[in-house]
Amino acid sequence: MPHSHYFSQVFSVMGGLSHGPSFDPPHAATWQPPVDIFETDECLIIVAELPGVDKEQIGVQVECGILKISGSRPKNIPELTRHVHQIEIPYGYFTRVIKLPPCAALDHIEAQYENGYLHVRIPKAGPK
């Protein structure tokens, strides 16, 4: 089966996961960042949109073939605000959990955060 067809079926983005002991329960997150998932011949690229999140507040974990991106975005209400009329930007704890395909080389993952976007690069393992 060609990899690209396999990836389109295997990638499922979930709102939470109860499998691994180190993953938080699904109800712990107050929002989920949008993600884009790309595939090249050599790797998978996952891009998460995280504007307003400090780099130090972002966690990237891999366990049992699952990628978890989590962190927190603080509420940004101006100090002299008397009334809040509308809040559409999600704040607080976030998490995004992505099931990775078996050919992902989990011990060679790279992550980079710049301009509000987290780029996670996961090489594909060679044939076994």
Protein backbone atom coordinates (compact mmCIF):
# COMPACT_ATOMS: atom_id res chain seq x y z
CA MET A 1 0.00 0.00 0.00
CA PRO A 2 1.50 3.41 -0.92
CA HIS A 3 2.50 5.50 2.11
CA SER A 4 0.44 8.57 1.18
CA HIS A 5 -2.78 6.54 1.03
CA TYR A 6 -1.90 4.89 4.34
CA PHE A 7 -1.20 8.23 6.02
CA SER A 8 -4.49 9.72 4.93
CA GLN A 9 -6.27 6.81 6.65
CA VAL A 10 -4.06 6.51 9.75
CA PHE A 11 -3.80 10.16 10.81
CA SER A 12 -6.60 10.79 13.22
CA VAL A 13 -6.54 13.90 15.31
CA MET A 14 -8.29 13.32 18.62
CA GLY A 15 -9.50 15.66 21.34
CA GLY A 16 -7.94 13.60 24.08
CA LEU A 17 -6.57 10.18 24.81
CA SER A 18 -6.94 7.84 27.72
CA HIS A 19 -4.32 5.24 26.68
CA GLY A 20 -1.03 6.44 28.13
CA PRO A 21 -0.38 7.13 31.79
CA SER A 22 1.47 10.40 31.09
CA PHE A 23 -1.31 11.92 28.98
CA ASP A 24 -3.79 14.23 30.64
CA PRO A 25 -7.48 13.31 30.64
CA PRO A 26 -9.47 14.71 27.68
CA HIS A 27 -11.41 17.17 29.86
CA ALA A 28 -8.21 18.93 31.04
CA ALA A 29 -7.82 21.00 27.84
CA THR A 30 -9.88 24.13 27.31
CA TRP A 31 -9.06 24.41 23.59
CA GLN A 32 -7.29 22.67 20.70
CA PRO A 33 -4.94 24.45 18.31
CA PRO A 34 -5.56 23.90 14.60
CA VAL A 35 -2.96 21.71 12.90
CA ASP A 36 -1.89 21.01 9.33
CA ILE A 37 -0.30 17.65 8.50
CA PHE A 38 1.92 17.24 5.44
CA GLU A 39 3.82 14.29 4.05
CA THR A 40 6.93 14.22 1.88
CA ASP A 41 8.88 11.21 0.66
CA GLU A 42 11.22 11.54 3.67
CA CYS A 43 9.07 12.80 6.53
CA LEU A 44 5.84 13.98 8.08
CA ILE A 45 5.44 17.63 8.98
CA ILE A 46 2.91 18.76 11.54
CA VAL A 47 2.29 22.48 11.95
CA ALA A 48 0.32 23.76 14.94
CA GLU A 49 -0.96 27.32 15.07
CA LEU A 50 -0.12 28.75 18.51
CA PRO A 51 -0.10 32.57 18.41
CA GLY A 52 0.42 34.23 21.76
CA VAL A 53 1.94 31.12 23.33
CA ASP A 54 5.44 31.46 24.79
CA LYS A 55 7.90 28.84 23.58
CA GLU A 56 8.54 27.81 27.19
CA GLN A 57 4.83 26.97 27.59
CA ILE A 58 4.79 24.36 24.79
CA GLY A 59 5.35 20.65 25.39
CA VAL A 60 5.89 18.01 22.70
CA GLN A 61 5.72 14.35 23.79
CA VAL A 62 5.77 11.05 21.93
CA GLU A 63 4.60 7.86 23.58
CA CYS A 64 3.35 4.59 22.08
CA GLY A 65 3.06 6.06 18.58
CA ILE A 66 1.11 9.11 19.76
CA LEU A 67 2.30 12.73 19.38
CA LYS A 68 0.97 15.13 22.00
CA ILE A 69 1.33 18.90 21.73
CA SER A 70 0.26 20.73 24.87
CA GLY A 71 0.74 23.95 26.76
CA SER A 72 -1.00 27.09 27.91
CA ARG A 73 -1.91 30.50 26.51
CA PRO A 74 -2.48 33.17 29.19
CA LYS A 75 -5.51 35.43 29.04
CA ASN A 76 -4.49 38.80 27.63
CA ILE A 77 -6.99 41.39 28.89
CA PRO A 78 -5.73 44.98 29.05
CA GLU A 79 -5.09 46.13 32.62
CA LEU A 80 -7.56 49.04 32.69
CA THR A 81 -10.47 47.07 31.19
CA ARG A 82 -13.79 47.89 32.84
CA HIS A 83 -16.06 45.59 30.82
CA VAL A 84 -15.34 42.65 28.54
CA HIS A 85 -17.74 42.75 25.58
CA GLN A 86 -16.49 39.79 23.62
CA ILE A 87 -13.78 37.11 23.90
CA GLU A 88 -13.30 34.78 20.94
CA ILE A 89 -9.63 33.90 21.36
CA PRO A 90 -9.29 30.69 23.40
CA TYR A 91 -7.09 30.88 26.49
CA GLY A 92 -5.89 28.41 29.07
CA TYR A 93 -4.55 24.87 28.75
CA PHE A 94 -4.52 23.29 25.27
CA THR A 95 -3.71 19.88 23.93
CA ARG A 96 -3.68 18.20 20.55
CA VAL A 97 -3.12 14.46 20.21
CA ILE A 98 -2.18 12.85 16.88
CA LYS A 99 -1.82 9.12 16.19
CA LEU A 100 1.32 8.53 14.15
CA PRO A 101 1.71 5.85 11.47
CA PRO A 102 3.97 2.84 12.14
CA CYS A 103 6.67 4.06 9.73
CA ALA A 104 7.35 7.23 11.78
CA ALA A 105 10.91 7.30 13.18
CA LEU A 106 9.92 8.36 16.67
CA ASP A 107 13.45 8.72 18.02
CA HIS A 108 14.41 11.39 15.44
CA ILE A 109 11.65 13.97 15.89
CA GLU A 110 12.55 17.66 15.60
CA ALA A 111 10.40 20.58 16.78
CA GLN A 112 10.84 24.29 16.07
CA TYR A 113 8.67 27.22 17.18
CA GLU A 114 8.69 30.51 15.31
CA ASN A 115 6.21 33.33 14.72
CA GLY A 116 3.37 31.52 16.48
CA TYR A 117 3.76 28.24 14.59
CA LEU A 118 5.13 24.99 15.97
CA HIS A 119 6.71 22.81 13.25
CA VAL A 120 7.22 19.16 14.16
CA ARG A 121 9.26 17.11 11.68
CA ILE A 122 9.07 13.32 11.94
CA PRO A 123 11.31 11.33 9.58
CA LYS A 124 9.99 8.13 8.07
CA ALA A 125 11.78 4.96 9.15
CA GLY A 126 13.43 2.92 6.44
CA PRO A 127 11.97 -0.42 5.33
CA LYS A 128 12.15 -3.16 7.92
